Amino acid sequence: MTPPIFVCDSSPIIAFEHLDASDLLRQLTNAVYVPPAVRREVFGHRSMPSWIKERSVSHPVSLRALQPRLGLGESEAIALALEMLPCCLIVDDMAARRAAQSMKIPVVGTVGLLILARQRNLLAAIKPSLDMLMKSDFRISIDLYRLALQASGEWAETHI
C-alpha cells in the first residue's frame, strides 16, 4: 500500500513549527507538497526540510476561481491538491476547507493531525499542544477543543 499524498497550506506548518513539532508532522505525513505561495509564506528565504517538496500548479485557471474568496496560499494549495488527487489537503481555514470539500478533496487540519498523533502514541497528550496553540492566537473553537480532547481520551481526565 502506498502512503497517502499530502498537500499543505501554510498554517499547519507554522503551527507545528510553533509547537516545535515539525518532526511530528513529518512522521504523520512522510512527505508533504506545498505550492510556491505556501513555501514563500512559511519559509521565505530559508531552506525547506527535505520531506517538504515544492510543486507548482499546472493549471493556473483554477486559481482564478478560488482567489476572490481565499488567499493565494490557500488557493494554490487547493488547486495543487485537485491536480494531485487522490491526496489529502492539510488546511485549517474554514472557507478553504469548505472550498476543498466542495471539490471532493479530503481535508484534515492541525487539530486533526494532533489527534492522529495521540492515537498513534506519538504524543503523550494533546491538551498541552492545543493550549499552546490557543495562547499563540491559533483559532480553535471551544467545541473543537472539547471534541479533540474527547477523541484523544483526554476530556474525561480533565473533567472528572
N, C-alpha and C. Protein backbone atom coordinates (compact mmCIF):
# COMPACT_ATOMS: atom_id res chain seq x y z
N MET A 1 0.84 -1.19 0.00
CA MET A 1 0.00 0.00 0.00
C MET A 1 0.88 1.24 0.00
N THR A 2 0.64 2.14 -0.93
CA THR A 2 1.44 3.35 -0.98
C THR A 2 0.92 4.36 0.03
N PRO A 3 1.83 5.09 0.67
CA PRO A 3 1.39 6.09 1.64
C PRO A 3 0.62 7.21 0.95
N PRO A 4 -0.33 7.82 1.67
CA PRO A 4 -1.11 8.89 1.05
C PRO A 4 -0.24 10.10 0.73
N ILE A 5 -0.70 10.85 -0.25
CA ILE A 5 -0.03 12.10 -0.62
C ILE A 5 -0.70 13.22 0.16
N PHE A 6 0.09 14.14 0.66
CA PHE A 6 -0.44 15.29 1.39
C PHE A 6 0.00 16.57 0.71
N VAL A 7 -0.94 17.50 0.58
CA VAL A 7 -0.66 18.86 0.13
C VAL A 7 -0.99 19.74 1.33
N CYS A 8 -0.17 20.74 1.58
CA CYS A 8 -0.35 21.52 2.81
C CYS A 8 -0.39 23.01 2.55
N ASP A 9 -1.27 23.67 3.30
CA ASP A 9 -1.33 25.12 3.35
C ASP A 9 -0.33 25.60 4.41
N SER A 10 -0.22 26.88 4.56
CA SER A 10 0.77 27.48 5.47
C SER A 10 0.51 27.24 6.95
N SER A 11 -0.72 27.46 7.39
CA SER A 11 -0.98 27.49 8.84
C SER A 11 -0.63 26.19 9.56
N PRO A 12 -0.88 25.00 9.00
CA PRO A 12 -0.47 23.80 9.74
C PRO A 12 1.04 23.69 9.91
N ILE A 13 1.80 24.06 8.89
CA ILE A 13 3.26 24.01 9.02
C ILE A 13 3.72 25.00 10.08
N ILE A 14 3.15 26.21 10.05
CA ILE A 14 3.50 27.23 11.03
C ILE A 14 3.13 26.77 12.43
N ALA A 15 1.95 26.15 12.56
CA ALA A 15 1.50 25.67 13.88
C ALA A 15 2.46 24.60 14.41
N PHE A 16 2.83 23.65 13.59
CA PHE A 16 3.75 22.61 14.06
C PHE A 16 5.13 23.18 14.36
N GLU A 17 5.58 24.17 13.60
CA GLU A 17 6.84 24.85 13.93
C GLU A 17 6.72 25.55 15.28
N HIS A 18 5.58 26.22 15.52
CA HIS A 18 5.36 26.92 16.78
C HIS A 18 5.39 25.94 17.96
N LEU A 19 4.87 24.75 17.74
CA LEU A 19 4.87 23.73 18.79
C LEU A 19 6.23 23.03 18.91
N ASP A 20 7.17 23.43 18.05
CA ASP A 20 8.48 22.77 17.97
C ASP A 20 8.27 21.28 17.69
N ALA A 21 7.33 21.00 16.78
CA ALA A 21 6.95 19.62 16.48
C ALA A 21 6.93 19.35 14.98
N SER A 22 7.82 20.00 14.24
CA SER A 22 7.88 19.76 12.80
C SER A 22 8.17 18.29 12.50
N ASP A 23 8.97 17.65 13.35
CA ASP A 23 9.28 16.25 13.14
C ASP A 23 8.02 15.39 13.29
N LEU A 24 7.12 15.80 14.15
CA LEU A 24 5.85 15.09 14.33
C LEU A 24 5.03 15.16 13.04
N LEU A 25 4.99 16.32 12.42
CA LEU A 25 4.29 16.47 11.14
C LEU A 25 4.92 15.55 10.10
N ARG A 26 6.23 15.46 10.08
CA ARG A 26 6.92 14.56 9.14
C ARG A 26 6.54 13.10 9.40
N GLN A 27 6.49 12.72 10.66
CA GLN A 27 6.14 11.33 11.00
C GLN A 27 4.72 10.99 10.56
N LEU A 28 3.83 11.94 10.64
CA LEU A 28 2.43 11.71 10.29
C LEU A 28 2.20 11.68 8.79
N THR A 29 3.05 12.34 8.03
CA THR A 29 2.80 12.51 6.60
C THR A 29 3.85 11.90 5.69
N ASN A 30 5.03 11.64 6.16
CA ASN A 30 6.17 11.18 5.35
C ASN A 30 6.65 12.26 4.39
N ALA A 31 5.79 12.70 3.49
CA ALA A 31 6.16 13.76 2.56
C ALA A 31 4.97 14.69 2.38
N VAL A 32 5.27 15.96 2.22
CA VAL A 32 4.24 16.98 2.06
C VAL A 32 4.61 17.82 0.84
N TYR A 33 3.61 18.11 0.03
CA TYR A 33 3.80 19.00 -1.12
C TYR A 33 3.19 20.36 -0.79
N VAL A 34 3.90 21.40 -1.16
CA VAL A 34 3.40 22.76 -0.97
C VAL A 34 3.57 23.52 -2.28
N PRO A 35 2.63 24.41 -2.58
CA PRO A 35 2.79 25.26 -3.75
C PRO A 35 3.74 26.42 -3.43
N PRO A 36 4.21 27.12 -4.44
CA PRO A 36 5.18 28.21 -4.22
C PRO A 36 4.72 29.28 -3.23
N ALA A 37 3.45 29.66 -3.26
CA ALA A 37 2.98 30.71 -2.35
C ALA A 37 3.11 30.26 -0.90
N VAL A 38 2.86 29.00 -0.62
CA VAL A 38 3.00 28.48 0.74
C VAL A 38 4.47 28.44 1.14
N ARG A 39 5.33 27.99 0.22
CA ARG A 39 6.76 27.97 0.53
C ARG A 39 7.25 29.37 0.89
N ARG A 40 6.85 30.36 0.10
CA ARG A 40 7.28 31.74 0.36
C ARG A 40 6.74 32.23 1.71
N GLU A 41 5.47 31.95 1.99
CA GLU A 41 4.84 32.43 3.21
C GLU A 41 5.47 31.79 4.46
N VAL A 42 5.76 30.51 4.39
CA VAL A 42 6.28 29.81 5.56
C VAL A 42 7.79 29.94 5.69
N PHE A 43 8.51 29.76 4.61
CA PHE A 43 9.96 29.65 4.70
C PHE A 43 10.72 30.88 4.21
N GLY A 44 10.07 31.74 3.44
CA GLY A 44 10.78 32.92 2.92
C GLY A 44 12.03 32.48 2.18
N HIS A 45 13.18 32.95 2.68
CA HIS A 45 14.46 32.59 2.05
C HIS A 45 15.14 31.42 2.74
N ARG A 46 14.53 30.91 3.82
CA ARG A 46 15.09 29.73 4.49
C ARG A 46 14.88 28.50 3.60
N SER A 47 15.73 27.52 3.78
CA SER A 47 15.52 26.28 3.03
C SER A 47 14.44 25.45 3.73
N MET A 48 13.75 24.66 2.93
CA MET A 48 12.70 23.81 3.46
C MET A 48 13.31 22.48 3.91
N PRO A 49 12.67 21.81 4.87
CA PRO A 49 13.12 20.45 5.20
C PRO A 49 13.00 19.56 3.96
N SER A 50 13.81 18.53 3.88
CA SER A 50 13.85 17.68 2.69
C SER A 50 12.55 16.93 2.44
N TRP A 51 11.75 16.73 3.47
CA TRP A 51 10.50 15.99 3.31
C TRP A 51 9.34 16.88 2.84
N ILE A 52 9.58 18.17 2.75
CA ILE A 52 8.59 19.09 2.17
C ILE A 52 9.05 19.42 0.76
N LYS A 53 8.19 19.17 -0.19
CA LYS A 53 8.52 19.36 -1.61
C LYS A 53 7.67 20.48 -2.20
N GLU A 54 8.32 21.37 -2.91
CA GLU A 54 7.58 22.42 -3.61
C GLU A 54 7.14 21.91 -4.97
N ARG A 55 5.89 22.20 -5.30
CA ARG A 55 5.37 21.81 -6.62
C ARG A 55 4.42 22.90 -7.10
N SER A 56 4.66 23.36 -8.30
CA SER A 56 3.82 24.41 -8.88
C SER A 56 2.51 23.86 -9.39
N VAL A 57 1.53 24.73 -9.46
CA VAL A 57 0.23 24.38 -10.01
C VAL A 57 0.35 24.39 -11.53
N SER A 58 -0.11 23.31 -12.16
CA SER A 58 0.00 23.20 -13.63
C SER A 58 -1.07 23.98 -14.36
N HIS A 59 -2.24 24.12 -13.72
CA HIS A 59 -3.38 24.77 -14.38
C HIS A 59 -3.80 26.01 -13.59
N PRO A 60 -3.15 27.14 -13.84
CA PRO A 60 -3.46 28.34 -13.07
C PRO A 60 -4.89 28.86 -13.25
N VAL A 61 -5.63 28.35 -14.21
CA VAL A 61 -7.02 28.78 -14.41
C VAL A 61 -7.82 28.49 -13.14
N SER A 62 -7.56 27.36 -12.49
CA SER A 62 -8.30 27.00 -11.29
C SER A 62 -8.03 27.99 -10.15
N LEU A 63 -6.88 28.63 -10.16
CA LEU A 63 -6.55 29.62 -9.13
C LEU A 63 -7.47 30.83 -9.19
N ARG A 64 -7.75 31.27 -10.39
CA ARG A 64 -8.58 32.48 -10.54
C ARG A 64 -9.97 32.28 -9.94
N ALA A 65 -10.49 31.07 -10.01
CA ALA A 65 -11.82 30.80 -9.46
C ALA A 65 -11.80 30.83 -7.94
N LEU A 66 -10.68 30.51 -7.33
CA LEU A 66 -10.59 30.43 -5.87
C LEU A 66 -10.16 31.75 -5.23
N GLN A 67 -9.32 32.52 -5.89
CA GLN A 67 -8.71 33.69 -5.27
C GLN A 67 -9.66 34.77 -4.77
N PRO A 68 -10.80 35.00 -5.37
CA PRO A 68 -11.65 36.06 -4.80
C PRO A 68 -12.09 35.76 -3.37
N ARG A 69 -12.16 34.47 -3.02
CA ARG A 69 -12.63 34.08 -1.68
C ARG A 69 -11.50 33.72 -0.73
N LEU A 70 -10.37 33.32 -1.26
CA LEU A 70 -9.28 32.79 -0.44
C LEU A 70 -7.97 33.50 -0.73
N GLY A 71 -7.02 33.34 0.17
CA GLY A 71 -5.69 33.89 -0.04
C GLY A 71 -4.95 33.09 -1.10
N LEU A 72 -3.82 33.63 -1.55
CA LEU A 72 -3.05 32.98 -2.61
C LEU A 72 -2.54 31.60 -2.17
N GLY A 73 -2.03 31.49 -0.95
CA GLY A 73 -1.52 30.20 -0.48
C GLY A 73 -2.60 29.14 -0.42
N GLU A 74 -3.75 29.51 0.12
CA GLU A 74 -4.87 28.57 0.20
C GLU A 74 -5.35 28.18 -1.19
N SER A 75 -5.46 29.17 -2.08
CA SER A 75 -5.90 28.91 -3.46
C SER A 75 -4.95 27.96 -4.17
N GLU A 76 -3.65 28.24 -4.05
CA GLU A 76 -2.66 27.38 -4.70
C GLU A 76 -2.67 25.98 -4.10
N ALA A 77 -2.82 25.88 -2.77
CA ALA A 77 -2.83 24.57 -2.12
C ALA A 77 -4.03 23.74 -2.59
N ILE A 78 -5.19 24.36 -2.68
CA ILE A 78 -6.38 23.64 -3.16
C ILE A 78 -6.21 23.23 -4.62
N ALA A 79 -5.73 24.14 -5.44
CA ALA A 79 -5.53 23.83 -6.86
C ALA A 79 -4.51 22.69 -7.02
N LEU A 80 -3.45 22.72 -6.24
CA LEU A 80 -2.44 21.66 -6.32
C LEU A 80 -3.03 20.33 -5.85
N ALA A 81 -3.79 20.36 -4.76
CA ALA A 81 -4.43 19.13 -4.27
C ALA A 81 -5.37 18.56 -5.32
N LEU A 82 -6.09 19.42 -5.99
CA LEU A 82 -7.01 18.98 -7.04
C LEU A 82 -6.24 18.27 -8.16
N GLU A 83 -5.07 18.80 -8.50
CA GLU A 83 -4.24 18.19 -9.53
C GLU A 83 -3.62 16.88 -9.07
N MET A 84 -3.38 16.74 -7.77
CA MET A 84 -2.67 15.57 -7.26
C MET A 84 -3.59 14.49 -6.69
N LEU A 85 -4.91 14.66 -6.84
CA LEU A 85 -5.83 13.64 -6.33
C LEU A 85 -5.45 12.26 -6.86
N PRO A 86 -5.54 11.23 -6.04
CA PRO A 86 -6.04 11.23 -4.67
C PRO A 86 -4.95 11.70 -3.70
N CYS A 87 -5.33 12.61 -2.86
CA CYS A 87 -4.43 13.15 -1.83
C CYS A 87 -5.28 13.69 -0.70
N CYS A 88 -4.62 14.19 0.31
CA CYS A 88 -5.32 14.83 1.42
C CYS A 88 -4.75 16.23 1.57
N LEU A 89 -5.60 17.20 1.72
CA LEU A 89 -5.19 18.59 1.90
C LEU A 89 -5.16 18.91 3.38
N ILE A 90 -4.04 19.42 3.84
CA ILE A 90 -3.90 19.84 5.24
C ILE A 90 -4.12 21.34 5.26
N VAL A 91 -5.25 21.75 5.83
CA VAL A 91 -5.64 23.16 5.83
C VAL A 91 -6.51 23.43 7.05
N ASP A 92 -6.38 24.63 7.62
CA ASP A 92 -7.14 24.99 8.80
C ASP A 92 -8.26 25.99 8.52
N ASP A 93 -8.07 26.89 7.60
CA ASP A 93 -9.05 27.94 7.32
C ASP A 93 -10.38 27.33 6.88
N MET A 94 -11.47 27.74 7.55
CA MET A 94 -12.78 27.15 7.29
C MET A 94 -13.25 27.36 5.86
N ALA A 95 -13.07 28.56 5.30
CA ALA A 95 -13.50 28.80 3.93
C ALA A 95 -12.72 27.92 2.95
N ALA A 96 -11.43 27.75 3.20
CA ALA A 96 -10.61 26.90 2.35
C ALA A 96 -11.03 25.43 2.48
N ARG A 97 -11.34 25.02 3.70
CA ARG A 97 -11.80 23.63 3.92
C ARG A 97 -13.09 23.37 3.15
N ARG A 98 -14.02 24.32 3.25
CA ARG A 98 -15.30 24.15 2.55
C ARG A 98 -15.11 24.11 1.03
N ALA A 99 -14.25 24.99 0.53
CA ALA A 99 -13.99 25.01 -0.91
C ALA A 99 -13.38 23.68 -1.36
N ALA A 100 -12.42 23.17 -0.60
CA ALA A 100 -11.79 21.90 -0.95
C ALA A 100 -12.79 20.75 -0.88
N GLN A 101 -13.58 20.72 0.17
CA GLN A 101 -14.56 19.65 0.32
C GLN A 101 -15.61 19.69 -0.78
N SER A 102 -15.94 20.90 -1.25
CA SER A 102 -16.92 21.00 -2.34
C SER A 102 -16.36 20.41 -3.63
N MET A 103 -15.03 20.30 -3.71
CA MET A 103 -14.37 19.70 -4.87
C MET A 103 -13.99 18.25 -4.60
N LYS A 104 -14.50 17.71 -3.49
CA LYS A 104 -14.27 16.31 -3.11
C LYS A 104 -12.81 16.02 -2.74
N ILE A 105 -12.13 17.04 -2.24
CA ILE A 105 -10.76 16.86 -1.75
C ILE A 105 -10.85 16.56 -0.26
N PRO A 106 -10.33 15.42 0.20
CA PRO A 106 -10.32 15.14 1.63
C PRO A 106 -9.44 16.16 2.36
N VAL A 107 -9.89 16.62 3.52
CA VAL A 107 -9.12 17.60 4.28
C VAL A 107 -8.91 17.12 5.72
N VAL A 108 -7.84 17.59 6.28
CA VAL A 108 -7.54 17.42 7.69
C VAL A 108 -6.84 18.70 8.13
N GLY A 109 -6.99 19.04 9.38
CA GLY A 109 -6.36 20.25 9.89
C GLY A 109 -5.31 19.93 10.94
N THR A 110 -4.75 20.97 11.50
CA THR A 110 -3.74 20.82 12.54
C THR A 110 -4.27 20.01 13.71
N VAL A 111 -5.47 20.34 14.17
CA VAL A 111 -6.04 19.64 15.32
C VAL A 111 -6.27 18.16 14.97
N GLY A 112 -6.75 17.88 13.78
CA GLY A 112 -6.94 16.50 13.35
C GLY A 112 -5.63 15.73 13.35
N LEU A 113 -4.56 16.37 12.92
CA LEU A 113 -3.25 15.71 12.93
C LEU A 113 -2.76 15.49 14.35
N LEU A 114 -3.04 16.42 15.25
CA LEU A 114 -2.66 16.22 16.65
C LEU A 114 -3.43 15.04 17.25
N ILE A 115 -4.70 14.90 16.91
CA ILE A 115 -5.49 13.76 17.37
C ILE A 115 -4.87 12.46 16.83
N LEU A 116 -4.53 12.45 15.56
CA LEU A 116 -3.92 11.28 14.95
C LEU A 116 -2.60 10.94 15.64
N ALA A 117 -1.81 11.95 15.94
CA ALA A 117 -0.53 11.72 16.64
C ALA A 117 -0.77 11.10 18.01
N ARG A 118 -1.78 11.56 18.70
CA ARG A 118 -2.13 11.00 20.02
C ARG A 118 -2.59 9.56 19.87
N GLN A 119 -3.42 9.28 18.87
CA GLN A 119 -3.92 7.92 18.65
C GLN A 119 -2.80 6.96 18.29
N ARG A 120 -1.77 7.46 17.63
CA ARG A 120 -0.61 6.63 17.26
C ARG A 120 0.46 6.62 18.35
N ASN A 121 0.14 7.21 19.49
CA ASN A 121 1.08 7.30 20.62
C ASN A 121 2.36 8.05 20.29
N LEU A 122 2.27 8.99 19.37
CA LEU A 122 3.40 9.86 19.06
C LEU A 122 3.41 11.08 19.98
N LEU A 123 2.28 11.32 20.65
CA LEU A 123 2.15 12.38 21.65
C LEU A 123 1.57 11.74 22.91
N ALA A 124 2.09 12.13 24.05
CA ALA A 124 1.54 11.62 25.31
C ALA A 124 0.18 12.23 25.59
N ALA A 125 -0.02 13.47 25.17
CA ALA A 125 -1.28 14.19 25.37
C ALA A 125 -1.35 15.32 24.35
N ILE A 126 -2.58 15.67 23.95
CA ILE A 126 -2.70 16.79 23.02
C ILE A 126 -3.10 18.09 23.71
N LYS A 127 -3.60 18.00 24.92
CA LYS A 127 -4.04 19.21 25.63
C LYS A 127 -2.94 20.28 25.70
N PRO A 128 -1.70 19.93 26.07
CA PRO A 128 -0.66 20.96 26.10
C PRO A 128 -0.44 21.64 24.73
N SER A 129 -0.52 20.85 23.67
CA SER A 129 -0.35 21.42 22.32
C SER A 129 -1.50 22.34 21.96
N LEU A 130 -2.72 21.90 22.26
CA LEU A 130 -3.89 22.74 21.99
C LEU A 130 -3.82 24.04 22.77
N ASP A 131 -3.45 23.94 24.05
CA ASP A 131 -3.35 25.14 24.89
C ASP A 131 -2.28 26.10 24.37
N MET A 132 -1.16 25.55 23.94
CA MET A 132 -0.08 26.40 23.41
C MET A 132 -0.52 27.09 22.13
N LEU A 133 -1.21 26.36 21.26
CA LEU A 133 -1.69 26.97 20.02
C LEU A 133 -2.69 28.09 20.32
N MET A 134 -3.59 27.84 21.25
CA MET A 134 -4.59 28.87 21.58
C MET A 134 -3.94 30.11 22.17
N LYS A 135 -2.89 29.94 22.94
CA LYS A 135 -2.18 31.09 23.51
C LYS A 135 -1.44 31.88 22.43
N SER A 136 -1.18 31.24 21.30
CA SER A 136 -0.47 31.93 20.21
C SER A 136 -1.44 32.46 19.16
N ASP A 137 -2.71 32.60 19.54
CA ASP A 137 -3.76 33.14 18.65
C ASP A 137 -4.15 32.21 17.51
N PHE A 138 -3.83 30.93 17.61
CA PHE A 138 -4.33 29.95 16.67
C PHE A 138 -5.78 29.71 17.04
N ARG A 139 -6.69 29.90 16.11
CA ARG A 139 -8.12 29.83 16.44
C ARG A 139 -8.61 28.39 16.54
N ILE A 140 -9.04 28.02 17.73
CA ILE A 140 -9.66 26.73 17.99
C ILE A 140 -10.94 27.02 18.77
N SER A 141 -12.06 26.64 18.22
CA SER A 141 -13.32 26.87 18.94
C SER A 141 -13.37 25.96 20.16
N ILE A 142 -14.17 26.34 21.13
CA ILE A 142 -14.31 25.53 22.34
C ILE A 142 -14.89 24.17 21.99
N ASP A 143 -15.77 24.12 20.98
CA ASP A 143 -16.34 22.84 20.55
C ASP A 143 -15.27 21.93 19.95
N LEU A 144 -14.40 22.49 19.11
CA LEU A 144 -13.31 21.70 18.53
C LEU A 144 -12.33 21.26 19.61
N TYR A 145 -12.03 22.16 20.54
CA TYR A 145 -11.14 21.84 21.66
C TYR A 145 -11.69 20.64 22.43
N ARG A 146 -12.97 20.70 22.78
CA ARG A 146 -13.62 19.62 23.53
C ARG A 146 -13.63 18.33 22.70
N LEU A 147 -13.98 18.44 21.43
CA LEU A 147 -14.01 17.27 20.55
C LEU A 147 -12.63 16.62 20.44
N ALA A 148 -11.59 17.43 20.32
CA ALA A 148 -10.23 16.90 20.22
C ALA A 148 -9.84 16.16 21.50
N LEU A 149 -10.18 16.74 22.65
CA LEU A 149 -9.87 16.08 23.91
C LEU A 149 -10.67 14.78 24.06
N GLN A 150 -11.91 14.80 23.62
CA GLN A 150 -12.73 13.58 23.69
C GLN A 150 -12.16 12.50 22.77
N ALA A 151 -11.80 12.88 21.55
CA ALA A 151 -11.26 11.92 20.58
C ALA A 151 -9.95 11.30 21.04
N SER A 152 -9.20 12.04 21.83
CA SER A 152 -7.91 11.53 22.31
C SER A 152 -8.02 10.91 23.69
N GLY A 153 -9.23 10.85 24.24
CA GLY A 153 -9.43 10.26 25.55
C GLY A 153 -9.01 11.14 26.70
N GLU A 154 -8.83 12.44 26.45
CA GLU A 154 -8.36 13.35 27.49
C GLU A 154 -9.47 14.18 28.13
N TRP A 155 -10.65 14.20 27.53
CA TRP A 155 -11.73 15.03 28.07
C TRP A 155 -12.15 14.56 29.46
N ALA A 156 -12.34 13.26 29.61
CA ALA A 156 -12.77 12.71 30.90
C ALA A 156 -11.70 12.95 31.96
N GLU A 157 -10.43 12.86 31.56
CA GLU A 157 -9.32 13.06 32.51
C GLU A 157 -9.32 14.47 33.07
N THR A 158 -9.71 15.45 32.26
CA THR A 158 -9.63 16.84 32.69
C THR A 158 -10.94 17.33 33.29
N HIS A 159 -12.03 16.54 33.15
CA HIS A 159 -13.33 17.00 33.65
C HIS A 159 -14.02 15.96 34.53
N ILE A 160 -13.29 15.36 35.43
CA ILE A 160 -13.87 14.39 36.37
C ILE A 160 -14.27 15.13 37.64
